[in-house]
Amino acid sequence: MNHQLNKLKDSVWIGLGIGLFTPAVLCTLAWYLIHHIIYLAKADLLYIGCIAANAYTMQYFFKHYKENIGRGILAATFLCAFVFFYYKVF
């Protein structure tokens, strides 16, 4: 895995892509669970967990000295948090 990580260019745009793709996949899974399991009908906070998965991803890239990728993931996390806030308020 580290060999593949070393080939990855340290770019904010790559981090933004990773940071948007990860919660999108997890939120799709959470949406499916919320709409198909009766006990999770009011569990909108599962979306927060999907966004929080970016924290682990960001920490992983910072640990391996890919700061710009980590910054892109952080920016994507804030974007996703604002989208969730808009979803809950309106």
N, C-alpha and C. Protein backbone atom coordinates (compact mmCIF):
# COMPACT_ATOMS: atom_id res chain seq x y z
N MET A 1 0.83 -1.19 0.00
CA MET A 1 0.00 0.00 0.00
C MET A 1 0.87 1.25 0.00
N ASN A 2 1.97 1.24 0.74
CA ASN A 2 2.83 2.42 0.79
C ASN A 2 3.47 2.70 -0.56
N HIS A 3 3.74 1.64 -1.34
CA HIS A 3 4.31 1.83 -2.67
C HIS A 3 3.33 2.60 -3.56
N GLN A 4 2.05 2.26 -3.47
CA GLN A 4 1.03 2.97 -4.24
C GLN A 4 0.86 4.39 -3.73
N LEU A 5 0.99 4.57 -2.43
CA LEU A 5 0.86 5.91 -1.84
C LEU A 5 2.01 6.81 -2.29
N ASN A 6 3.20 6.25 -2.42
CA ASN A 6 4.34 7.05 -2.86
C ASN A 6 4.18 7.50 -4.31
N LYS A 7 3.48 6.74 -5.13
CA LYS A 7 3.25 7.12 -6.52
C LYS A 7 2.19 8.22 -6.64
N LEU A 8 1.37 8.39 -5.61
CA LEU A 8 0.29 9.37 -5.65
C LEU A 8 0.85 10.78 -5.51
N LYS A 9 0.51 11.64 -6.45
CA LYS A 9 0.98 13.02 -6.44
C LYS A 9 0.35 13.77 -5.27
N ASP A 10 1.14 14.57 -4.57
CA ASP A 10 0.66 15.33 -3.41
C ASP A 10 -0.03 16.60 -3.90
N SER A 11 -1.35 16.49 -4.17
CA SER A 11 -2.11 17.59 -4.73
C SER A 11 -3.41 17.77 -3.94
N VAL A 12 -3.78 19.02 -3.77
CA VAL A 12 -5.02 19.34 -3.07
C VAL A 12 -6.22 18.80 -3.85
N TRP A 13 -6.14 18.81 -5.17
CA TRP A 13 -7.26 18.35 -6.00
C TRP A 13 -7.48 16.84 -5.84
N ILE A 14 -6.41 16.10 -5.72
CA ILE A 14 -6.55 14.65 -5.46
C ILE A 14 -7.20 14.44 -4.11
N GLY A 15 -6.77 15.20 -3.12
CA GLY A 15 -7.37 15.11 -1.79
C GLY A 15 -8.85 15.50 -1.80
N LEU A 16 -9.19 16.50 -2.58
CA LEU A 16 -10.59 16.90 -2.69
C LEU A 16 -11.42 15.79 -3.33
N GLY A 17 -10.85 15.14 -4.33
CA GLY A 17 -11.55 14.02 -4.96
C GLY A 17 -11.75 12.86 -4.01
N ILE A 18 -10.71 12.51 -3.27
CA ILE A 18 -10.81 11.43 -2.29
C ILE A 18 -11.80 11.81 -1.20
N GLY A 19 -11.72 13.07 -0.75
CA GLY A 19 -12.59 13.54 0.32
C GLY A 19 -14.05 13.64 -0.07
N LEU A 20 -14.35 13.77 -1.34
CA LEU A 20 -15.74 13.79 -1.80
C LEU A 20 -16.24 12.40 -2.16
N PHE A 21 -15.34 11.56 -2.67
CA PHE A 21 -15.73 10.22 -3.08
C PHE A 21 -16.05 9.32 -1.89
N THR A 22 -15.22 9.36 -0.86
CA THR A 22 -15.42 8.49 0.30
C THR A 22 -16.77 8.71 0.97
N PRO A 23 -17.14 9.96 1.36
CA PRO A 23 -18.47 10.14 1.96
C PRO A 23 -19.61 9.88 0.99
N ALA A 24 -19.39 10.09 -0.30
CA ALA A 24 -20.46 9.84 -1.27
C ALA A 24 -20.83 8.36 -1.28
N VAL A 25 -19.82 7.51 -1.28
CA VAL A 25 -20.08 6.07 -1.28
C VAL A 25 -20.73 5.66 0.04
N LEU A 26 -20.19 6.16 1.15
CA LEU A 26 -20.75 5.80 2.46
C LEU A 26 -22.15 6.37 2.66
N CYS A 27 -22.40 7.58 2.18
CA CYS A 27 -23.74 8.17 2.31
C CYS A 27 -24.76 7.44 1.45
N THR A 28 -24.32 6.93 0.30
CA THR A 28 -25.22 6.13 -0.53
C THR A 28 -25.62 4.86 0.22
N LEU A 29 -24.67 4.23 0.86
CA LEU A 29 -24.96 3.05 1.68
C LEU A 29 -25.88 3.41 2.85
N ALA A 30 -25.61 4.52 3.52
CA ALA A 30 -26.45 4.96 4.64
C ALA A 30 -27.86 5.30 4.17
N TRP A 31 -27.98 5.95 3.00
CA TRP A 31 -29.30 6.27 2.47
C TRP A 31 -30.10 4.99 2.21
N TYR A 32 -29.44 4.00 1.65
CA TYR A 32 -30.11 2.73 1.40
C TYR A 32 -30.59 2.09 2.71
N LEU A 33 -29.72 2.09 3.71
CA LEU A 33 -30.09 1.51 5.00
C LEU A 33 -31.23 2.27 5.66
N ILE A 34 -31.19 3.59 5.60
CA ILE A 34 -32.22 4.40 6.23
C ILE A 34 -33.58 4.16 5.57
N HIS A 35 -33.59 3.98 4.28
CA HIS A 35 -34.86 3.81 3.57
C HIS A 35 -35.36 2.37 3.49
N HIS A 36 -34.54 1.40 3.89
CA HIS A 36 -34.97 0.01 3.80
C HIS A 36 -35.02 -0.73 5.13
N ILE A 37 -34.53 -0.12 6.19
CA ILE A 37 -34.62 -0.73 7.52
C ILE A 37 -35.46 0.18 8.40
N ILE A 38 -36.57 -0.33 8.88
CA ILE A 38 -37.57 0.48 9.58
C ILE A 38 -37.00 1.13 10.85
N TYR A 39 -36.08 0.45 11.53
CA TYR A 39 -35.52 0.99 12.78
C TYR A 39 -34.60 2.18 12.54
N LEU A 40 -34.12 2.33 11.34
CA LEU A 40 -33.20 3.43 11.03
C LEU A 40 -33.89 4.58 10.30
N ALA A 41 -35.20 4.63 10.33
CA ALA A 41 -35.94 5.64 9.58
C ALA A 41 -35.61 7.07 10.01
N LYS A 42 -35.30 7.27 11.28
CA LYS A 42 -34.99 8.61 11.78
C LYS A 42 -33.50 8.78 12.10
N ALA A 43 -32.67 7.96 11.54
CA ALA A 43 -31.24 7.96 11.87
C ALA A 43 -30.44 8.80 10.87
N ASP A 44 -30.78 10.06 10.75
CA ASP A 44 -30.05 10.94 9.84
C ASP A 44 -28.61 11.17 10.29
N LEU A 45 -28.32 10.89 11.53
CA LEU A 45 -26.96 11.09 12.02
C LEU A 45 -25.98 10.05 11.46
N LEU A 46 -26.48 9.05 10.77
CA LEU A 46 -25.57 8.15 10.06
C LEU A 46 -24.76 8.92 9.01
N TYR A 47 -25.35 9.97 8.49
CA TYR A 47 -24.64 10.79 7.50
C TYR A 47 -23.42 11.47 8.14
N ILE A 48 -23.53 11.85 9.40
CA ILE A 48 -22.38 12.44 10.10
C ILE A 48 -21.25 11.43 10.19
N GLY A 49 -21.60 10.18 10.45
CA GLY A 49 -20.58 9.12 10.49
C GLY A 49 -19.89 8.95 9.15
N CYS A 50 -20.64 9.11 8.09
CA CYS A 50 -20.05 9.02 6.75
C CYS A 50 -19.06 10.15 6.50
N ILE A 51 -19.41 11.32 6.97
CA ILE A 51 -18.51 12.47 6.82
C ILE A 51 -17.31 12.31 7.74
N ALA A 52 -17.52 11.75 8.92
CA ALA A 52 -16.43 11.57 9.88
C ALA A 52 -15.40 10.56 9.40
N ALA A 53 -15.77 9.71 8.46
CA ALA A 53 -14.79 8.76 7.90
C ALA A 53 -13.64 9.51 7.23
N ASN A 54 -13.89 10.72 6.80
CA ASN A 54 -12.83 11.54 6.21
C ASN A 54 -11.74 11.86 7.24
N ALA A 55 -12.09 11.92 8.51
CA ALA A 55 -11.09 12.23 9.53
C ALA A 55 -10.01 11.14 9.57
N TYR A 56 -10.43 9.89 9.47
CA TYR A 56 -9.46 8.80 9.45
C TYR A 56 -8.61 8.87 8.18
N THR A 57 -9.25 9.11 7.05
CA THR A 57 -8.52 9.19 5.78
C THR A 57 -7.53 10.35 5.81
N MET A 58 -7.95 11.48 6.33
CA MET A 58 -7.09 12.64 6.42
C MET A 58 -5.89 12.36 7.33
N GLN A 59 -6.14 11.73 8.47
CA GLN A 59 -5.06 11.40 9.40
C GLN A 59 -4.05 10.46 8.75
N TYR A 60 -4.53 9.52 7.94
CA TYR A 60 -3.66 8.57 7.26
C TYR A 60 -2.70 9.30 6.32
N PHE A 61 -3.23 10.25 5.55
CA PHE A 61 -2.38 10.96 4.59
C PHE A 61 -1.43 11.92 5.30
N PHE A 62 -1.86 12.56 6.37
CA PHE A 62 -0.95 13.41 7.13
C PHE A 62 0.18 12.59 7.74
N LYS A 63 -0.11 11.39 8.19
CA LYS A 63 0.89 10.51 8.79
C LYS A 63 1.95 10.11 7.76
N HIS A 64 1.54 10.01 6.50
CA HIS A 64 2.48 9.63 5.44
C HIS A 64 3.00 10.83 4.66
N TYR A 65 2.96 12.00 5.27
CA TYR A 65 3.55 13.23 4.75
C TYR A 65 2.99 13.65 3.40
N LYS A 66 1.70 13.47 3.22
CA LYS A 66 1.01 13.97 2.03
C LYS A 66 0.07 15.09 2.50
N GLU A 67 0.68 16.22 2.89
CA GLU A 67 -0.07 17.30 3.51
C GLU A 67 -1.11 17.92 2.58
N ASN A 68 -0.78 18.08 1.32
CA ASN A 68 -1.73 18.71 0.40
C ASN A 68 -2.95 17.82 0.16
N ILE A 69 -2.75 16.52 0.11
CA ILE A 69 -3.89 15.62 -0.02
C ILE A 69 -4.75 15.73 1.24
N GLY A 70 -4.11 15.78 2.41
CA GLY A 70 -4.84 15.94 3.66
C GLY A 70 -5.63 17.24 3.70
N ARG A 71 -5.06 18.30 3.16
CA ARG A 71 -5.77 19.58 3.12
C ARG A 71 -6.97 19.52 2.19
N GLY A 72 -6.83 18.82 1.09
CA GLY A 72 -7.97 18.65 0.18
C GLY A 72 -9.09 17.86 0.83
N ILE A 73 -8.73 16.83 1.59
CA ILE A 73 -9.73 16.03 2.31
C ILE A 73 -10.41 16.88 3.37
N LEU A 74 -9.64 17.73 4.04
CA LEU A 74 -10.22 18.62 5.04
C LEU A 74 -11.22 19.59 4.40
N ALA A 75 -10.87 20.13 3.24
CA ALA A 75 -11.78 21.03 2.54
C ALA A 75 -13.06 20.30 2.13
N ALA A 76 -12.91 19.07 1.66
CA ALA A 76 -14.08 18.28 1.28
C ALA A 76 -14.95 17.96 2.50
N THR A 77 -14.32 17.74 3.64
CA THR A 77 -15.06 17.47 4.87
C THR A 77 -15.92 18.66 5.25
N PHE A 78 -15.37 19.86 5.16
CA PHE A 78 -16.15 21.05 5.45
C PHE A 78 -17.29 21.24 4.44
N LEU A 79 -17.01 20.96 3.18
CA LEU A 79 -18.07 21.05 2.16
C LEU A 79 -19.20 20.08 2.48
N CYS A 80 -18.86 18.85 2.82
CA CYS A 80 -19.88 17.85 3.15
C CYS A 80 -20.65 18.24 4.42
N ALA A 81 -19.95 18.81 5.38
CA ALA A 81 -20.61 19.24 6.61
C ALA A 81 -21.61 20.36 6.33
N PHE A 82 -21.25 21.29 5.46
CA PHE A 82 -22.19 22.36 5.10
C PHE A 82 -23.40 21.82 4.36
N VAL A 83 -23.18 20.83 3.50
CA VAL A 83 -24.30 20.21 2.78
C VAL A 83 -25.23 19.51 3.77
N PHE A 84 -24.65 18.81 4.75
CA PHE A 84 -25.47 18.14 5.76
C PHE A 84 -26.23 19.16 6.59
N PHE A 85 -25.59 20.26 6.96
CA PHE A 85 -26.25 21.32 7.72
C PHE A 85 -27.43 21.89 6.92
N TYR A 86 -27.23 22.13 5.63
CA TYR A 86 -28.29 22.64 4.79
C TYR A 86 -29.44 21.63 4.71
N TYR A 87 -29.09 20.35 4.61
CA TYR A 87 -30.10 19.28 4.56
C TYR A 87 -30.93 19.23 5.83
N LYS A 88 -30.30 19.40 6.99
CA LYS A 88 -31.02 19.33 8.26
C LYS A 88 -31.84 20.57 8.53
N VAL A 89 -31.39 21.74 8.11
CA VAL A 89 -32.09 22.97 8.40
C VAL A 89 -33.27 23.19 7.44
N PHE A 90 -33.05 22.89 6.18
CA PHE A 90 -34.10 23.16 5.19
C PHE A 90 -34.67 21.85 4.79
